[in-house]
C-alpha atoms as a PDB file:
ATOM      1  CA  MET A   1      -0.001   0.057  -0.002  1.00  0.00           C
ATOM      2  CA  VAL A   2       2.828   2.407   0.792  1.00  0.00           C
ATOM      3  CA  ARG A   3       4.594   1.730  -2.473  1.00  0.00           C
ATOM      4  CA  THR A   4       1.476   1.889  -4.804  1.00  0.00           C
ATOM      5  CA  ASP A   5      -1.042   4.120  -2.913  1.00  0.00           C
ATOM      6  CA  ALA A   6       1.111   6.400  -0.843  1.00  0.00           C
ATOM      7  CA  HIS A   7      -0.703   9.371  -2.246  1.00  0.00           C
ATOM      8  CA  ARG A   8      -3.947   8.077  -0.435  1.00  0.00           C
ATOM      9  CA  LEU A   9      -2.368   7.887   2.969  1.00  0.00           C
ATOM     10  CA  ARG A  10      -2.232  10.716   5.446  1.00  0.00           C
ATOM     11  CA  PRO A  11       1.168  11.496   7.023  1.00  0.00           C
ATOM     12  CA  VAL A  12       1.511  10.588  10.702  1.00  0.00           C
ATOM     13  CA  ALA A  13       0.946  13.715  12.883  1.00  0.00           C
ATOM     14  CA  GLY A  14       4.050  14.915  14.668  1.00  0.00           C
ATOM     15  CA  ASP A  15       2.226  15.579  17.948  1.00  0.00           C
ATOM     16  CA  SER A  16       4.374  16.478  21.004  1.00  0.00           C
ATOM     17  CA  ALA A  17       4.839  14.293  24.001  1.00  0.00           C
ATOM     18  CA  GLU A  18       3.094  16.976  26.078  1.00  0.00           C
ATOM     19  CA  VAL A  19      -0.197  16.693  24.101  1.00  0.00           C
ATOM     20  CA  GLU A  20       0.075  12.838  24.149  1.00  0.00           C
ATOM     21  CA  GLY A  21       0.141  13.083  27.990  1.00  0.00           C
ATOM     22  CA  ILE A  22      -2.876  15.341  27.961  1.00  0.00           C
ATOM     23  CA  LYS A  23      -4.701  12.904  25.738  1.00  0.00           C
ATOM     24  CA  VAL A  24      -4.119  10.035  28.053  1.00  0.00           C
ATOM     25  CA  VAL A  25      -5.436  11.716  31.232  1.00  0.00           C
ATOM     26  CA  ALA A  26      -8.277  13.549  29.332  1.00  0.00           C
ATOM     27  CA  ARG A  27      -9.614  10.360  27.720  1.00  0.00           C
ATOM     28  CA  VAL A  28      -9.615   8.363  30.957  1.00  0.00           C
ATOM     29  CA  HIS A  29     -11.216  11.273  32.759  1.00  0.00           C
ATOM     30  CA  LYS A  30     -14.010  11.330  30.189  1.00  0.00           C
ATOM     31  CA  THR A  31     -14.347   7.622  30.203  1.00  0.00           C
ATOM     32  CA  LEU A  32     -14.915   7.519  33.927  1.00  0.00           C
ATOM     33  CA  ILE A  33     -17.536  10.306  33.564  1.00  0.00           C
ATOM     34  CA  TRP A  34     -19.238   7.975  31.013  1.00  0.00           C
ATOM     35  CA  ASP A  35     -18.873   5.061  33.390  1.00  0.00           C
ATOM     36  CA  ASN A  36     -20.492   7.177  36.162  1.00  0.00           C
ATOM     37  CA  THR A  37     -23.536   7.948  33.963  1.00  0.00           C
ATOM     38  CA  ARG A  38     -23.940   4.206  32.988  1.00  0.00           C
ATOM     39  CA  HIS A  39     -23.919   3.045  36.607  1.00  0.00           C
ATOM     40  CA  THR A  40     -26.199   5.941  37.623  1.00  0.00           C
ATOM     41  CA  LEU A  41     -28.735   4.823  35.070  1.00  0.00           C
ATOM     42  CA  ARG A  42     -28.395   1.231  36.192  1.00  0.00           C
ATOM     43  CA  LEU A  43     -29.053   2.376  39.693  1.00  0.00           C
ATOM     44  CA  ARG A  44     -32.162   4.272  38.586  1.00  0.00           C
ATOM     45  CA  HIS A  45     -33.556   1.199  36.738  1.00  0.00           C
ATOM     46  CA  SER A  46     -32.883  -1.083  39.798  1.00  0.00           C
ATOM     47  CA  LEU A  47     -34.583   1.406  42.244  1.00  0.00           C
ATOM     48  CA  ARG A  48     -37.639   1.663  39.906  1.00  0.00           C
ATOM     49  CA  GLU A  49     -37.991  -2.102  40.167  1.00  0.00           C
ATOM     50  CA  TYR A  50     -38.119  -2.375  43.986  1.00  0.00           C
ATOM     51  CA  PHE A  51     -37.756   1.015  45.681  1.00  0.00           C
ATOM     52  CA  PRO A  52     -39.655   3.795  43.690  1.00  0.00           C
ATOM     53  CA  ALA A  53     -39.837   5.940  46.830  1.00  0.00           C
ATOM     54  CA  ALA A  54     -36.035   6.622  46.484  1.00  0.00           C
ATOM     55  CA  LEU A  55     -36.508   8.050  43.045  1.00  0.00           C
ATOM     56  CA  GLU A  56     -39.059  10.512  44.549  1.00  0.00           C
ATOM     57  CA  ALA A  57     -36.831  11.363  47.479  1.00  0.00           C
ATOM     58  CA  PHE A  58     -33.477  11.830  45.559  1.00  0.00           C
ATOM     59  CA  ALA A  59     -33.209  14.018  42.473  1.00  0.00           C
ATOM     60  CA  ASP A  60     -29.465  13.318  41.869  1.00  0.00           C
ATOM     61  CA  LEU A  61     -28.720   9.678  42.381  1.00  0.00           C
ATOM     62  CA  ASP A  62     -24.966  10.248  42.108  1.00  0.00           C
ATOM     63  CA  ALA A  63     -24.850  13.095  44.613  1.00  0.00           C
ATOM     64  CA  PRO A  64     -22.765  12.505  47.805  1.00  0.00           C
ATOM     65  CA  ASP A  65     -25.763  12.787  50.170  1.00  0.00           C
ATOM     66  CA  THR A  66     -27.828  10.441  48.093  1.00  0.00           C
ATOM     67  CA  LEU A  67     -25.033   7.818  47.987  1.00  0.00           C
ATOM     68  CA  GLU A  68     -24.550   8.129  51.777  1.00  0.00           C
ATOM     69  CA  LEU A  69     -28.225   7.736  52.633  1.00  0.00           C
ATOM     70  CA  LEU A  70     -28.895   4.913  50.074  1.00  0.00           C
ATOM     71  CA  GLY A  71     -25.723   3.099  51.251  1.00  0.00           C
ATOM     72  CA  ARG A  72     -27.074   3.287  54.839  1.00  0.00           C
ATOM     73  CA  ALA A  73     -30.640   2.306  53.808  1.00  0.00           C
ATOM     74  CA  ALA A  74     -30.841   0.445  50.544  1.00  0.00           C
ATOM     75  CA  ASP A  75     -34.219  -1.140  51.113  1.00  0.00           C
ATOM     76  CA  PRO A  76     -37.598   0.543  51.704  1.00  0.00           C
ATOM     77  CA  ASP A  77     -38.082  -0.675  55.326  1.00  0.00           C
ATOM     78  CA  THR A  78     -34.725   0.501  56.525  1.00  0.00           C
ATOM     79  CA  ALA A  79     -35.117   3.857  54.675  1.00  0.00           C
ATOM     80  CA  LYS A  80     -38.419   4.498  56.420  1.00  0.00           C
ATOM     81  CA  ARG A  81     -36.600   4.236  59.762  1.00  0.00           C
ATOM     82  CA  LEU A  82     -34.067   6.963  58.815  1.00  0.00           C
ATOM     83  CA  SER A  83     -34.357   9.798  61.380  1.00  0.00           C
ATOM     84  CA  PHE A  84     -34.670  13.498  60.430  1.00  0.00           C
ATOM     85  CA  ASN A  85     -31.288  14.126  62.014  1.00  0.00           C
ATOM     86  CA  GLN A  86     -29.604  11.332  60.100  1.00  0.00           C
ATOM     87  CA  ILE A  87     -30.958  12.727  56.767  1.00  0.00           C
ATOM     88  CA  ARG A  88     -30.074  16.364  57.766  1.00  0.00           C
ATOM     89  CA  GLY A  89     -26.545  15.332  58.630  1.00  0.00           C
ATOM     90  CA  ALA A  90     -25.961  13.732  55.265  1.00  0.00           C
ATOM     91  CA  LEU A  91     -27.248  16.835  53.562  1.00  0.00           C
ATOM     92  CA  ALA A  92     -25.032  19.095  55.706  1.00  0.00           C
ATOM     93  CA  ARG A  93     -22.015  17.089  54.862  1.00  0.00           C
ATOM     94  CA  ALA A  94     -22.784  17.390  51.176  1.00  0.00           C
ATOM     95  CA  ARG A  95     -23.050  21.170  51.731  1.00  0.00           C
ATOM     96  CA  ARG A  96     -26.655  21.312  50.559  1.00  0.00           C
ATOM     97  CA  ARG A  97     -28.687  24.528  51.126  1.00  0.00           C
ATOM     98  CA  ASP A  98     -31.902  24.700  53.036  1.00  0.00           C
ATOM     99  CA  VAL A  99     -31.146  21.349  54.706  1.00  0.00           C
ATOM    100  CA  ASP A 100     -34.116  21.352  57.052  1.00  0.00           C
ATOM    101  CA  THR A 101     -36.680  21.622  54.253  1.00  0.00           C
ATOM    102  CA  ARG A 102     -34.824  19.126  52.085  1.00  0.00           C
ATOM    103  CA  ALA A 103     -34.542  16.729  54.965  1.00  0.00           C
ATOM    104  CA  ALA A 104     -38.237  16.833  55.743  1.00  0.00           C
ATOM    105  CA  GLY A 105     -39.136  16.361  52.013  1.00  0.00           C
ATOM    106  CA  ILE A 106     -36.808  13.278  51.725  1.00  0.00           C
ATOM    107  CA  GLN A 107     -38.141  11.734  54.990  1.00  0.00           C
ATOM    108  CA  ALA A 108     -41.711  12.141  53.792  1.00  0.00           C
ATOM    109  CA  ALA A 109     -40.960  10.688  50.368  1.00  0.00           C
ATOM    110  CA  LEU A 110     -39.139   7.665  51.910  1.00  0.00           C
ATOM    111  CA  ARG A 111     -42.150   6.997  54.046  1.00  0.00           C
ATOM    112  CA  THR A 112     -44.612   7.040  51.243  1.00  0.00           C
ATOM    113  CA  GLU A 113     -46.358   3.664  50.635  1.00  0.00           C
ATOM    114  CA  HIS A 114     -45.653   1.931  47.346  1.00  0.00           C
ATOM    115  CA  LEU A 115     -46.247  -1.639  46.026  1.00  0.00           C
ATOM    116  CA  GLY A 116     -43.413  -3.754  47.255  1.00  0.00           C
ATOM    117  CA  ARG A 117     -41.630  -6.917  46.053  1.00  0.00           C
ATOM    118  CA  PRO A 118     -41.186 -10.136  48.095  1.00  0.00           C
ATOM    119  CA  PRO A 119     -38.649  -9.730  50.890  1.00  0.00           C
ATOM    120  CA  VAL A 120     -36.093 -12.044  49.274  1.00  0.00           C
ATOM    121  CA  VAL A 121     -36.304 -10.125  45.973  1.00  0.00           C
ATOM    122  CA  THR A 122     -36.011  -6.766  47.894  1.00  0.00           C
ATOM    123  CA  ALA A 123     -32.994  -8.165  49.744  1.00  0.00           C
ATOM    124  CA  ALA A 124     -31.339  -9.141  46.391  1.00  0.00           C
ATOM    125  CA  TYR A 125     -32.024  -5.712  44.818  1.00  0.00           C
ATOM    126  CA  ALA A 126     -30.632  -4.022  47.966  1.00  0.00           C
ATOM    127  CA  ALA A 127     -27.370  -5.973  47.725  1.00  0.00           C
ATOM    128  CA  THR A 128     -26.982  -4.855  44.065  1.00  0.00           C
ATOM    129  CA  THR A 129     -27.790  -1.285  45.061  1.00  0.00           C
ATOM    130  CA  ARG A 130     -25.057  -1.229  47.706  1.00  0.00           C
ATOM    131  CA  ALA A 131     -22.540  -2.594  45.145  1.00  0.00           C
ATOM    132  CA  THR A 132     -23.537   0.061  42.626  1.00  0.00           C
ATOM    133  CA  ILE A 133     -23.208   2.767  45.293  1.00  0.00           C
ATOM    134  CA  ALA A 134     -19.714   1.638  46.163  1.00  0.00           C
ATOM    135  CA  ILE A 135     -18.742   1.807  42.469  1.00  0.00           C
ATOM    136  CA  LEU A 136     -20.272   5.361  42.101  1.00  0.00           C
ATOM    137  CA  ALA A 137     -18.463   6.565  45.276  1.00  0.00           C
ATOM    138  CA  ALA A 138     -15.070   5.217  43.892  1.00  0.00           C
ATOM    139  CA  LEU A 139     -15.753   6.740  40.456  1.00  0.00           C
ATOM    140  CA  ALA A 140     -16.552  10.199  42.063  1.00  0.00           C
ATOM    141  CA  GLU A 141     -13.272  10.169  43.970  1.00  0.00           C
ATOM    142  CA  GLN A 142     -11.230   9.182  40.822  1.00  0.00           C
ATOM    143  CA  ILE A 143     -12.945  11.680  38.545  1.00  0.00           C
ATOM    144  CA  THR A 144     -12.125  14.423  40.916  1.00  0.00           C
ATOM    145  CA  GLY A 145      -8.479  13.335  41.258  1.00  0.00           C
ATOM    146  CA  LEU A 146      -8.043  12.901  37.544  1.00  0.00           C
ATOM    147  CA  GLN A 147      -9.505  16.370  36.847  1.00  0.00           C
ATOM    148  CA  GLY A 148      -6.727  17.882  38.701  1.00  0.00           C
ATOM    149  CA  GLU A 149      -4.273  15.906  36.583  1.00  0.00           C
ATOM    150  CA  VAL A 150      -6.014  17.064  33.369  1.00  0.00           C
ATOM    151  CA  GLU A 151      -5.897  20.628  34.400  1.00  0.00           C
ATOM    152  CA  ALA A 152      -2.161  20.343  35.486  1.00  0.00           C
ATOM    153  CA  HIS A 153      -1.034  18.674  32.165  1.00  0.00           C
ATOM    154  CA  PHE A 154      -3.082  21.087  30.082  1.00  0.00           C
ATOM    155  CA  GLY A 155      -1.826  24.229  31.960  1.00  0.00           C
ATOM    156  CA  ARG A 156       1.793  23.381  31.074  1.00  0.00           C
ATOM    157  CA  HIS A 157       1.134  23.258  27.348  1.00  0.00           C
ATOM    158  CA  PRO A 158       2.116  26.265  25.295  1.00  0.00           C
ATOM    159  CA  ASP A 159      -1.181  26.356  23.375  1.00  0.00           C
ATOM    160  CA  ALA A 160      -3.288  26.401  26.639  1.00  0.00           C
ATOM    161  CA  GLU A 161      -3.531  30.199  26.689  1.00  0.00           C
ATOM    162  CA  ILE A 162      -4.972  30.292  23.144  1.00  0.00           C
ATOM    163  CA  VAL A 163      -7.295  27.435  23.645  1.00  0.00           C
ATOM    164  CA  LEU A 164      -8.639  28.907  26.985  1.00  0.00           C
ATOM    165  CA  SER A 165      -9.292  32.270  25.318  1.00  0.00           C
ATOM    166  CA  GLN A 166     -11.949  30.674  23.060  1.00  0.00           C
ATOM    167  CA  PRO A 167     -15.572  31.363  24.266  1.00  0.00           C
ATOM    168  CA  GLY A 168     -17.150  28.548  26.218  1.00  0.00           C
ATOM    169  CA  MET A 169     -13.800  26.729  26.810  1.00  0.00           C
ATOM    170  CA  GLY A 170     -12.497  25.795  30.280  1.00  0.00           C
ATOM    171  CA  ALA A 171      -9.540  23.820  31.362  1.00  0.00           C
ATOM    172  CA  VAL A 172     -11.055  20.272  31.133  1.00  0.00           C
ATOM    173  CA  LEU A 173     -12.863  20.988  27.847  1.00  0.00           C
ATOM    174  CA  GLY A 174      -9.899  22.733  26.411  1.00  0.00           C
ATOM    175  CA  ALA A 175      -7.704  19.749  27.314  1.00  0.00           C
ATOM    176  CA  ARG A 176     -10.101  17.415  25.519  1.00  0.00           C
ATOM    177  CA  VAL A 177     -10.089  19.601  22.402  1.00  0.00           C
ATOM    178  CA  LEU A 178      -6.394  20.085  22.330  1.00  0.00           C
ATOM    179  CA  ALA A 179      -5.691  16.397  22.917  1.00  0.00           C
ATOM    180  CA  GLU A 180      -7.951  15.221  20.117  1.00  0.00           C
ATOM    181  CA  PHE A 181      -6.843  17.738  17.571  1.00  0.00           C
ATOM    182  CA  GLY A 182      -3.126  17.383  18.556  1.00  0.00           C
ATOM    183  CA  ASP A 183      -0.633  20.168  18.432  1.00  0.00           C
ATOM    184  CA  ASP A 184       1.261  19.442  15.197  1.00  0.00           C
ATOM    185  CA  PRO A 185       1.195  22.922  13.462  1.00  0.00           C
ATOM    186  CA  ASP A 186       1.363  21.298   9.965  1.00  0.00           C
ATOM    187  CA  ARG A 187      -1.297  18.715  10.404  1.00  0.00           C
ATOM    188  CA  TYR A 188      -4.307  20.813   9.152  1.00  0.00           C
ATOM    189  CA  VAL A 189      -3.437  22.652   5.994  1.00  0.00           C
ATOM    190  CA  SER A 190      -6.544  24.839   6.280  1.00  0.00           C
ATOM    191  CA  ALA A 191      -9.436  25.621   8.578  1.00  0.00           C
ATOM    192  CA  LYS A 192     -11.675  23.397   6.364  1.00  0.00           C
ATOM    193  CA  ALA A 193      -9.313  20.466   6.932  1.00  0.00           C
ATOM    194  CA  ARG A 194      -9.593  20.934  10.657  1.00  0.00           C
ATOM    195  CA  LYS A 195     -13.348  21.171  10.458  1.00  0.00           C
ATOM    196  CA  ASN A 196     -13.534  18.005   8.387  1.00  0.00           C
ATOM    197  CA  TYR A 197     -11.538  16.117  10.929  1.00  0.00           C
ATOM    198  CA  ALA A 198     -13.632  17.522  13.707  1.00  0.00           C
ATOM    199  CA  GLY A 199     -16.819  16.266  11.992  1.00  0.00           C
ATOM    200  CA  THR A 200     -18.542  19.627  12.384  1.00  0.00           C
ATOM    201  CA  SER A 201     -18.476  20.584   8.620  1.00  0.00           C
ATOM    202  CA  PRO A 202     -21.362  19.320   6.441  1.00  0.00           C
ATOM    203  CA  LEU A 203     -20.786  16.510   3.914  1.00  0.00           C
ATOM    204  CA  THR A 204     -21.982  17.218   0.326  1.00  0.00           C
ATOM    205  CA  VAL A 205     -22.925  14.146  -1.665  1.00  0.00           C
ATOM    206  CA  ALA A 206     -23.535  14.796  -5.397  1.00  0.00           C
ATOM    207  CA  SER A 207     -24.681  12.126  -7.974  1.00  0.00           C
ATOM    208  CA  GLY A 208     -25.945  13.197 -11.396  1.00  0.00           C
ATOM    209  CA  ARG A 209     -28.574  15.874 -10.863  1.00  0.00           C
ATOM    210  CA  ARG A 210     -28.983  14.975  -7.136  1.00  0.00           C
ATOM    211  CA  ARG A 211     -27.064  16.944  -4.467  1.00  0.00           C
ATOM    212  CA  THR A 212     -27.671  16.439  -0.763  1.00  0.00           C
ATOM    213  CA  VAL A 213     -25.892  18.064   2.266  1.00  0.00           C
ATOM    214  CA  ARG A 214     -25.949  16.102   5.478  1.00  0.00           C
ATOM    215  CA  ALA A 215     -24.072  15.812   8.724  1.00  0.00           C
ATOM    216  CA  ARG A 216     -20.901  13.725   9.006  1.00  0.00           C
ATOM    217  CA  HIS A 217     -21.593  10.538  10.750  1.00  0.00           C
ATOM    218  CA  VAL A 218     -18.044   9.294  10.710  1.00  0.00           C
ATOM    219  CA  HIS A 219     -16.136  11.376  13.261  1.00  0.00           C
ATOM    220  CA  ASN A 220     -14.161  11.466  16.515  1.00  0.00           C
ATOM    221  CA  ASP A 221     -16.810  11.059  19.153  1.00  0.00           C
ATOM    222  CA  ARG A 222     -14.712  12.538  21.902  1.00  0.00           C
ATOM    223  CA  LEU A 223     -13.733  15.594  19.857  1.00  0.00           C
ATOM    224  CA  LEU A 224     -17.235  16.275  18.617  1.00  0.00           C
ATOM    225  CA  ASP A 225     -18.736  15.892  22.004  1.00  0.00           C
ATOM    226  CA  ALA A 226     -16.264  18.377  23.506  1.00  0.00           C
ATOM    227  CA  LEU A 227     -16.913  20.941  20.557  1.00  0.00           C
ATOM    228  CA  ILE A 228     -20.757  20.705  20.864  1.00  0.00           C
ATOM    229  CA  ALA A 229     -20.288  21.393  24.617  1.00  0.00           C
ATOM    230  CA  GLN A 230     -18.179  24.388  23.926  1.00  0.00           C
ATOM    231  CA  ALA A 231     -20.734  25.738  21.426  1.00  0.00           C
ATOM    232  CA  PHE A 232     -23.522  25.376  23.945  1.00  0.00           C
ATOM    233  CA  VAL A 233     -21.675  27.429  26.606  1.00  0.00           C
ATOM    234  CA  ALA A 234     -20.351  29.891  24.048  1.00  0.00           C
ATOM    235  CA  MET A 235     -23.909  31.019  23.270  1.00  0.00           C
ATOM    236  CA  ARG A 236     -24.187  32.312  26.899  1.00  0.00           C
ATOM    237  CA  VAL A 237     -20.844  34.090  27.050  1.00  0.00           C
ATOM    238  CA  SER A 238     -20.328  35.402  23.574  1.00  0.00           C
ATOM    239  CA  PRO A 239     -22.703  37.850  21.809  1.00  0.00           C
ATOM    240  CA  GLY A 240     -21.255  36.902  18.458  1.00  0.00           C
ATOM    241  CA  ALA A 241     -21.742  33.197  19.032  1.00  0.00           C
ATOM    242  CA  ARG A 242     -25.359  33.825  20.240  1.00  0.00           C
ATOM    243  CA  ALA A 243     -26.111  35.947  17.222  1.00  0.00           C
ATOM    244  CA  TYR A 244     -24.677  33.386  14.854  1.00  0.00           C
ATOM    245  CA  TYR A 245     -26.761  30.633  16.478  1.00  0.00           C
ATOM    246  CA  GLN A 246     -29.869  32.697  16.128  1.00  0.00           C
ATOM    247  CA  GLN A 247     -29.182  33.403  12.536  1.00  0.00           C
ATOM    248  CA  GLN A 248     -29.048  29.605  11.840  1.00  0.00           C
ATOM    249  CA  ARG A 249     -32.322  29.120  13.684  1.00  0.00           C
ATOM    250  CA  ALA A 250     -33.931  31.917  11.734  1.00  0.00           C
ATOM    251  CA  ARG A 251     -32.992  30.052   8.571  1.00  0.00           C
ATOM    252  CA  GLY A 252     -34.996  27.035   9.736  1.00  0.00           C
ATOM    253  CA  SER A 253     -32.215  24.938  11.260  1.00  0.00           C
ATOM    254  CA  SER A 254     -33.057  22.840  14.268  1.00  0.00           C
ATOM    255  CA  HIS A 255     -31.322  23.293  17.562  1.00  0.00           C
ATOM    256  CA  ASN A 256     -28.925  20.529  17.035  1.00  0.00           C
ATOM    257  CA  ALA A 257     -28.152  21.587  13.550  1.00  0.00           C
ATOM    258  CA  ALA A 258     -27.684  25.284  14.551  1.00  0.00           C
ATOM    259  CA  LEU A 259     -25.395  24.086  17.479  1.00  0.00           C
ATOM    260  CA  ARG A 260     -23.303  22.032  15.120  1.00  0.00           C
ATOM    261  CA  GLN A 261     -22.909  24.963  12.714  1.00  0.00           C
ATOM    262  CA  LEU A 262     -21.829  27.181  15.568  1.00  0.00           C
ATOM    263  CA  ALA A 263     -19.339  24.562  16.640  1.00  0.00           C
ATOM    264  CA  ASN A 264     -17.998  24.467  13.136  1.00  0.00           C
ATOM    265  CA  ARG A 265     -17.536  28.193  13.044  1.00  0.00           C
ATOM    266  CA  LEU A 266     -15.778  28.078  16.444  1.00  0.00           C
ATOM    267  CA  VAL A 267     -13.360  25.427  15.074  1.00  0.00           C
ATOM    268  CA  GLY A 268     -12.451  27.777  12.239  1.00  0.00           C
ATOM    269  CA  ILE A 269     -11.858  30.621  14.788  1.00  0.00           C
ATOM    270  CA  LEU A 270      -9.603  28.278  16.829  1.00  0.00           C
ATOM    271  CA  HIS A 271      -7.689  27.205  13.806  1.00  0.00           C
ATOM    272  CA  GLY A 272      -6.972  30.986  12.905  1.00  0.00           C
ATOM    273  CA  CYS A 273      -5.885  31.700  16.429  1.00  0.00           C
ATOM    274  CA  LEU A 274      -3.481  28.724  16.572  1.00  0.00           C
ATOM    275  CA  LYS A 275      -2.146  29.529  13.145  1.00  0.00           C
ATOM    276  CA  THR A 276      -1.443  33.208  14.008  1.00  0.00           C
ATOM    277  CA  ARG A 277      -0.568  32.462  17.624  1.00  0.00           C
ATOM    278  CA  THR A 278      -3.057  35.129  18.866  1.00  0.00           C
ATOM    279  CA  THR A 279      -5.724  34.754  21.512  1.00  0.00           C
ATOM    280  CA  TYR A 280      -9.430  35.044  20.767  1.00  0.00           C
ATOM    281  CA  ASP A 281     -10.941  38.503  20.136  1.00  0.00           C
ATOM    282  CA  GLU A 282     -14.625  38.901  19.997  1.00  0.00           C
ATOM    283  CA  THR A 283     -14.797  41.736  17.439  1.00  0.00           C
ATOM    284  CA  THR A 284     -12.326  40.085  15.125  1.00  0.00           C
ATOM    285  CA  ALA A 285     -13.995  36.656  15.307  1.00  0.00           C
ATOM    286  CA  TRP A 286     -17.479  37.895  14.385  1.00  0.00           C
ATOM    287  CA  ALA A 287     -16.895  41.097  12.308  1.00  0.00           C
ATOM    288  CA  HIS A 288     -17.574  39.376   9.060  1.00  0.00           C
ATOM    289  CA  HIS A 289     -20.895  37.881  10.077  1.00  0.00           C
ATOM    290  CA  THR A 290     -22.001  41.135  11.847  1.00  0.00           C
ATOM    291  CA  THR A 291     -21.317  43.076   8.701  1.00  0.00           C
ATOM    292  CA  ALA A 292     -23.111  40.447   6.510  1.00  0.00           C
ATOM    293  CA  ALA A 293     -26.192  40.489   8.831  1.00  0.00           C
ATOM    294  CA  ALA A 294     -26.287  44.346   8.750  1.00  0.00           C
END
């Protein structure tokens, strides 16, 4: 293949060791967050089967106070015996606000009568709940610890200042974007090439007289997830990003389509900033679109 079809192969990116280190910790950090979501959904499904009162009592199943109380009382009968002070203490340790009102509401919800399962089935479910809670507690601890590692590795990279200057970009999100794009300055020959790799640019398919434009389904899931999250936050902190999003909605685009187009525009802005080694400027980034709209 190298001898006969070398022109079809992309050169290996010359990313630095620093960005490779960021990629390692950023990917594992995101994977643990996904694992936390999966186990939370499994816990919700399990509670729905034998302990629906817990779903009414606790809004956030992976919150520290919820994990503490469910770990202490994983079955309906034990939960009904939780005292007001026990519930209030868990809320206080989790630094909740208005703990007295919350504690009273949780106690009332836990004492609500629901259809139950046979004792042996309830005991089996309670055992699985305690196991899931232990996993969620461990995941929460490791996610917090790895977040510090992500921020530390990212903060030492020379491109960190430029990436952080982008609207809607924080240290963790910036680390994910930089890690997935890489830092080889010659990898993307143009902003369009970077957009195509990100999966934010539309894909045009033409055959005969037929021409369709659709979203790219083959992409780096981790990168696109980070870019869409950035676009969502950017709408709240950048007037230019908000105006651009509203322009897309006015043209008939759905929320998701408009958000993807905004992410595509932000990728182009990031490419320009990295290419010229300059930080983000609101006026410069959106001047063209503001003039066109006027």
